[in-house]
Amino acid sequence: MSTLTGKPLARPDLGKSLLAVALVTAAILMVPLVAMQFTREVVWTGSDFVIAGLLLSITGLALVAALRTLRTAKARFVAAGVLGLGLLYCWAELAVGIFTNLGS
């Protein structure tokens, strides 16, 4: 889609970034899916895959937005670190409640 001036509304490489997020998310989700075929120690339900997919996709999209918005390498590195730590915190909390179930 374009404006009346003929200029595109979005950067042309945005589709590639979104595709990359989708492919990386799918690749990461393949790890537990394949592991479930070989061991009984990995037991994920459909809702586990949906929640993990949403968490990974949202983090990936936020990273793409941050990398497009921020100009300095230091700011991009900090943003990637904060997003990565946020992802790990949410993942650990959803998996075992590592931070909220300290006294239980």
N, C-alpha and C. Protein backbone atom coordinates (compact mmCIF):
# COMPACT_ATOMS: atom_id res chain seq x y z
N MET A 1 0.84 -1.17 0.00
CA MET A 1 0.00 0.00 0.00
C MET A 1 0.88 1.23 0.00
N SER A 2 0.46 2.30 -0.66
CA SER A 2 1.27 3.51 -0.72
C SER A 2 0.40 4.73 -0.47
N THR A 3 1.09 5.84 -0.25
CA THR A 3 0.39 7.10 -0.04
C THR A 3 0.08 7.72 -1.40
N LEU A 4 -0.58 8.87 -1.39
CA LEU A 4 -0.90 9.54 -2.65
C LEU A 4 0.35 10.01 -3.39
N THR A 5 1.43 10.20 -2.68
CA THR A 5 2.67 10.63 -3.31
C THR A 5 3.43 9.48 -3.96
N GLY A 6 2.97 8.27 -3.74
CA GLY A 6 3.62 7.11 -4.33
C GLY A 6 4.70 6.51 -3.46
N LYS A 7 4.94 7.11 -2.30
CA LYS A 7 5.95 6.56 -1.40
C LYS A 7 5.35 5.43 -0.58
N PRO A 8 6.08 4.36 -0.37
CA PRO A 8 5.53 3.25 0.42
C PRO A 8 5.37 3.65 1.88
N LEU A 9 4.36 3.06 2.52
CA LEU A 9 4.09 3.35 3.92
C LEU A 9 5.09 2.66 4.84
N ALA A 10 5.60 1.52 4.47
CA ALA A 10 6.53 0.76 5.31
C ALA A 10 7.82 0.53 4.55
N ARG A 11 8.85 0.24 5.30
CA ARG A 11 10.12 -0.09 4.65
C ARG A 11 9.96 -1.39 3.88
N PRO A 12 10.59 -1.50 2.74
CA PRO A 12 10.41 -2.70 1.92
C PRO A 12 10.93 -3.97 2.58
N ASP A 13 11.88 -3.86 3.51
CA ASP A 13 12.43 -5.07 4.12
C ASP A 13 11.67 -5.48 5.38
N LEU A 14 10.56 -4.84 5.69
CA LEU A 14 9.79 -5.20 6.87
C LEU A 14 9.24 -6.62 6.75
N GLY A 15 8.81 -7.00 5.57
CA GLY A 15 8.30 -8.35 5.36
C GLY A 15 9.36 -9.40 5.65
N LYS A 16 10.61 -9.12 5.29
CA LYS A 16 11.70 -10.05 5.57
C LYS A 16 11.94 -10.18 7.06
N SER A 17 11.82 -9.08 7.77
CA SER A 17 12.01 -9.12 9.23
C SER A 17 10.91 -9.93 9.90
N LEU A 18 9.68 -9.74 9.45
CA LEU A 18 8.57 -10.48 10.02
C LEU A 18 8.69 -11.97 9.70
N LEU A 19 9.13 -12.27 8.50
CA LEU A 19 9.36 -13.67 8.11
C LEU A 19 10.47 -14.29 8.96
N ALA A 20 11.52 -13.52 9.23
CA ALA A 20 12.62 -14.01 10.06
C ALA A 20 12.13 -14.31 11.47
N VAL A 21 11.30 -13.43 12.03
CA VAL A 21 10.75 -13.67 13.37
C VAL A 21 9.92 -14.95 13.37
N ALA A 22 9.10 -15.13 12.36
CA ALA A 22 8.25 -16.33 12.28
C ALA A 22 9.10 -17.59 12.13
N LEU A 23 10.14 -17.54 11.31
CA LEU A 23 10.98 -18.73 11.11
C LEU A 23 11.80 -19.08 12.34
N VAL A 24 12.34 -18.06 13.02
CA VAL A 24 13.12 -18.32 14.24
C VAL A 24 12.21 -18.87 15.33
N THR A 25 11.00 -18.31 15.44
CA THR A 25 10.04 -18.81 16.43
C THR A 25 9.72 -20.27 16.14
N ALA A 26 9.44 -20.60 14.90
CA ALA A 26 9.13 -21.98 14.53
C ALA A 26 10.33 -22.90 14.80
N ALA A 27 11.53 -22.43 14.51
CA ALA A 27 12.72 -23.26 14.73
C ALA A 27 12.92 -23.54 16.22
N ILE A 28 12.71 -22.54 17.05
CA ILE A 28 12.86 -22.75 18.49
C ILE A 28 11.79 -23.71 19.01
N LEU A 29 10.58 -23.59 18.50
CA LEU A 29 9.51 -24.48 18.94
C LEU A 29 9.68 -25.91 18.45
N MET A 30 10.51 -26.10 17.43
CA MET A 30 10.78 -27.45 16.94
C MET A 30 11.62 -28.25 17.94
N VAL A 31 12.39 -27.56 18.78
CA VAL A 31 13.25 -28.27 19.74
C VAL A 31 12.42 -29.12 20.70
N PRO A 32 11.43 -28.55 21.41
CA PRO A 32 10.65 -29.43 22.29
C PRO A 32 9.79 -30.42 21.51
N LEU A 33 9.34 -30.04 20.33
CA LEU A 33 8.52 -30.96 19.53
C LEU A 33 9.32 -32.20 19.15
N VAL A 34 10.54 -32.02 18.73
CA VAL A 34 11.39 -33.16 18.37
C VAL A 34 11.79 -33.93 19.63
N ALA A 35 12.10 -33.20 20.71
CA ALA A 35 12.49 -33.87 21.96
C ALA A 35 11.37 -34.76 22.48
N MET A 36 10.13 -34.35 22.28
CA MET A 36 8.99 -35.15 22.75
C MET A 36 8.93 -36.51 22.03
N GLN A 37 9.52 -36.58 20.84
CA GLN A 37 9.49 -37.83 20.08
C GLN A 37 10.50 -38.86 20.61
N PHE A 38 11.51 -38.37 21.37
CA PHE A 38 12.59 -39.25 21.79
C PHE A 38 12.65 -39.49 23.29
N THR A 39 11.97 -38.67 24.09
CA THR A 39 12.04 -38.83 25.53
C THR A 39 10.69 -38.50 26.17
N ARG A 40 10.46 -39.10 27.31
CA ARG A 40 9.23 -38.82 28.03
C ARG A 40 9.43 -37.68 29.04
N GLU A 41 10.63 -37.14 29.13
CA GLU A 41 10.92 -36.06 30.06
C GLU A 41 10.41 -34.72 29.55
N VAL A 42 10.19 -34.60 28.27
CA VAL A 42 9.64 -33.37 27.69
C VAL A 42 8.19 -33.65 27.34
N VAL A 43 7.29 -32.99 28.05
CA VAL A 43 5.86 -33.20 27.84
C VAL A 43 5.21 -31.82 27.72
N TRP A 44 4.97 -31.39 26.50
CA TRP A 44 4.31 -30.11 26.25
C TRP A 44 2.92 -30.39 25.70
N THR A 45 1.97 -29.55 26.10
CA THR A 45 0.62 -29.62 25.54
C THR A 45 0.51 -28.56 24.44
N GLY A 46 -0.62 -28.56 23.78
CA GLY A 46 -0.85 -27.56 22.75
C GLY A 46 -0.80 -26.15 23.29
N SER A 47 -1.33 -25.96 24.50
CA SER A 47 -1.31 -24.62 25.09
C SER A 47 0.12 -24.18 25.42
N ASP A 48 0.99 -25.11 25.76
CA ASP A 48 2.40 -24.77 26.00
C ASP A 48 3.03 -24.21 24.73
N PHE A 49 2.74 -24.86 23.61
CA PHE A 49 3.30 -24.38 22.34
C PHE A 49 2.72 -23.02 21.96
N VAL A 50 1.44 -22.82 22.19
CA VAL A 50 0.81 -21.53 21.86
C VAL A 50 1.42 -20.41 22.71
N ILE A 51 1.53 -20.64 24.01
CA ILE A 51 2.08 -19.62 24.90
C ILE A 51 3.54 -19.34 24.57
N ALA A 52 4.33 -20.38 24.36
CA ALA A 52 5.73 -20.18 24.00
C ALA A 52 5.85 -19.45 22.66
N GLY A 53 5.00 -19.81 21.70
CA GLY A 53 5.02 -19.13 20.40
C GLY A 53 4.67 -17.66 20.52
N LEU A 54 3.67 -17.35 21.34
CA LEU A 54 3.31 -15.94 21.55
C LEU A 54 4.44 -15.19 22.23
N LEU A 55 5.02 -15.78 23.26
CA LEU A 55 6.11 -15.14 23.98
C LEU A 55 7.31 -14.88 23.07
N LEU A 56 7.68 -15.87 22.28
CA LEU A 56 8.80 -15.71 21.36
C LEU A 56 8.49 -14.70 20.25
N SER A 57 7.28 -14.74 19.71
CA SER A 57 6.90 -13.83 18.64
C SER A 57 6.85 -12.38 19.12
N ILE A 58 6.27 -12.16 20.28
CA ILE A 58 6.19 -10.80 20.81
C ILE A 58 7.58 -10.26 21.08
N THR A 59 8.44 -11.09 21.64
CA THR A 59 9.81 -10.66 21.90
C THR A 59 10.54 -10.36 20.59
N GLY A 60 10.36 -11.21 19.61
CA GLY A 60 11.00 -10.99 18.31
C GLY A 60 10.51 -9.72 17.63
N LEU A 61 9.20 -9.48 17.68
CA LEU A 61 8.66 -8.27 17.08
C LEU A 61 9.13 -7.02 17.81
N ALA A 62 9.22 -7.11 19.14
CA ALA A 62 9.73 -5.98 19.92
C ALA A 62 11.20 -5.72 19.58
N LEU A 63 11.96 -6.78 19.37
CA LEU A 63 13.37 -6.62 18.99
C LEU A 63 13.49 -5.97 17.62
N VAL A 64 12.69 -6.40 16.67
CA VAL A 64 12.71 -5.79 15.34
C VAL A 64 12.38 -4.30 15.44
N ALA A 65 11.35 -3.96 16.22
CA ALA A 65 10.97 -2.56 16.39
C ALA A 65 12.10 -1.77 17.04
N ALA A 66 12.73 -2.35 18.05
CA ALA A 66 13.82 -1.64 18.73
C ALA A 66 15.01 -1.43 17.80
N LEU A 67 15.35 -2.45 17.04
CA LEU A 67 16.49 -2.33 16.13
C LEU A 67 16.23 -1.32 15.01
N ARG A 68 14.98 -1.18 14.61
CA ARG A 68 14.63 -0.20 13.59
C ARG A 68 14.61 1.21 14.14
N THR A 69 14.27 1.35 15.42
CA THR A 69 14.10 2.66 16.02
C THR A 69 15.42 3.22 16.55
N LEU A 70 16.18 2.39 17.22
CA LEU A 70 17.42 2.84 17.85
C LEU A 70 18.55 2.91 16.83
N ARG A 71 19.38 3.94 16.98
CA ARG A 71 20.43 4.17 15.98
C ARG A 71 21.82 3.74 16.41
N THR A 72 22.13 3.82 17.71
CA THR A 72 23.48 3.48 18.14
C THR A 72 23.59 2.01 18.48
N ALA A 73 24.78 1.48 18.31
CA ALA A 73 25.01 0.07 18.60
C ALA A 73 24.81 -0.21 20.09
N LYS A 74 25.22 0.72 20.93
CA LYS A 74 25.07 0.53 22.38
C LYS A 74 23.59 0.46 22.76
N ALA A 75 22.78 1.33 22.23
CA ALA A 75 21.35 1.33 22.53
C ALA A 75 20.69 0.04 22.03
N ARG A 76 21.09 -0.41 20.87
CA ARG A 76 20.55 -1.65 20.33
C ARG A 76 20.94 -2.85 21.19
N PHE A 77 22.20 -2.85 21.65
CA PHE A 77 22.68 -3.93 22.50
C PHE A 77 21.92 -3.95 23.82
N VAL A 78 21.72 -2.79 24.41
CA VAL A 78 20.99 -2.71 25.68
C VAL A 78 19.54 -3.17 25.48
N ALA A 79 18.91 -2.72 24.41
CA ALA A 79 17.53 -3.12 24.14
C ALA A 79 17.42 -4.62 23.95
N ALA A 80 18.35 -5.20 23.21
CA ALA A 80 18.35 -6.65 23.00
C ALA A 80 18.55 -7.39 24.32
N GLY A 81 19.42 -6.87 25.16
CA GLY A 81 19.65 -7.49 26.47
C GLY A 81 18.43 -7.42 27.36
N VAL A 82 17.78 -6.26 27.40
CA VAL A 82 16.59 -6.11 28.23
C VAL A 82 15.48 -7.03 27.74
N LEU A 83 15.29 -7.09 26.43
CA LEU A 83 14.26 -7.98 25.88
C LEU A 83 14.59 -9.44 26.14
N GLY A 84 15.87 -9.81 26.02
CA GLY A 84 16.28 -11.18 26.29
C GLY A 84 16.06 -11.56 27.75
N LEU A 85 16.41 -10.65 28.66
CA LEU A 85 16.18 -10.92 30.08
C LEU A 85 14.70 -11.00 30.40
N GLY A 86 13.92 -10.14 29.76
CA GLY A 86 12.47 -10.19 29.96
C GLY A 86 11.89 -11.51 29.48
N LEU A 87 12.37 -11.99 28.34
CA LEU A 87 11.93 -13.28 27.82
C LEU A 87 12.29 -14.41 28.79
N LEU A 88 13.53 -14.41 29.26
CA LEU A 88 13.96 -15.46 30.18
C LEU A 88 13.18 -15.40 31.49
N TYR A 89 12.92 -14.20 32.00
CA TYR A 89 12.14 -14.07 33.23
C TYR A 89 10.74 -14.65 33.04
N CYS A 90 10.06 -14.25 31.97
CA CYS A 90 8.70 -14.75 31.73
C CYS A 90 8.70 -16.25 31.53
N TRP A 91 9.66 -16.78 30.79
CA TRP A 91 9.75 -18.21 30.53
C TRP A 91 9.94 -18.98 31.83
N ALA A 92 10.87 -18.53 32.67
CA ALA A 92 11.12 -19.21 33.94
C ALA A 92 9.91 -19.12 34.87
N GLU A 93 9.28 -17.98 34.88
CA GLU A 93 8.12 -17.80 35.75
C GLU A 93 6.96 -18.69 35.30
N LEU A 94 6.73 -18.75 34.01
CA LEU A 94 5.65 -19.60 33.51
C LEU A 94 5.98 -21.09 33.69
N ALA A 95 7.24 -21.43 33.58
CA ALA A 95 7.63 -22.84 33.67
C ALA A 95 7.51 -23.38 35.09
N VAL A 96 8.12 -22.67 36.05
CA VAL A 96 8.17 -23.23 37.40
C VAL A 96 7.86 -22.22 38.49
N GLY A 97 7.56 -20.98 38.14
CA GLY A 97 7.29 -19.98 39.16
C GLY A 97 8.51 -19.71 40.01
N ILE A 98 9.65 -19.61 39.37
CA ILE A 98 10.93 -19.54 40.08
C ILE A 98 11.06 -18.31 40.97
N PHE A 99 10.38 -17.22 40.64
CA PHE A 99 10.55 -15.99 41.41
C PHE A 99 9.38 -15.71 42.36
N THR A 100 8.21 -16.18 42.05
CA THR A 100 7.05 -15.87 42.91
C THR A 100 6.75 -16.97 43.91
N ASN A 101 7.28 -18.15 43.75
CA ASN A 101 7.01 -19.28 44.66
C ASN A 101 8.22 -19.58 45.53
N LEU A 102 8.88 -18.56 46.02
CA LEU A 102 10.07 -18.78 46.81
C LEU A 102 9.79 -19.43 48.16
N GLY A 103 8.67 -19.05 48.80
CA GLY A 103 8.40 -19.58 50.13
C GLY A 103 7.50 -20.80 50.15
N SER A 104 7.02 -21.23 49.03
CA SER A 104 6.06 -22.35 49.00
C SER A 104 6.75 -23.69 49.09
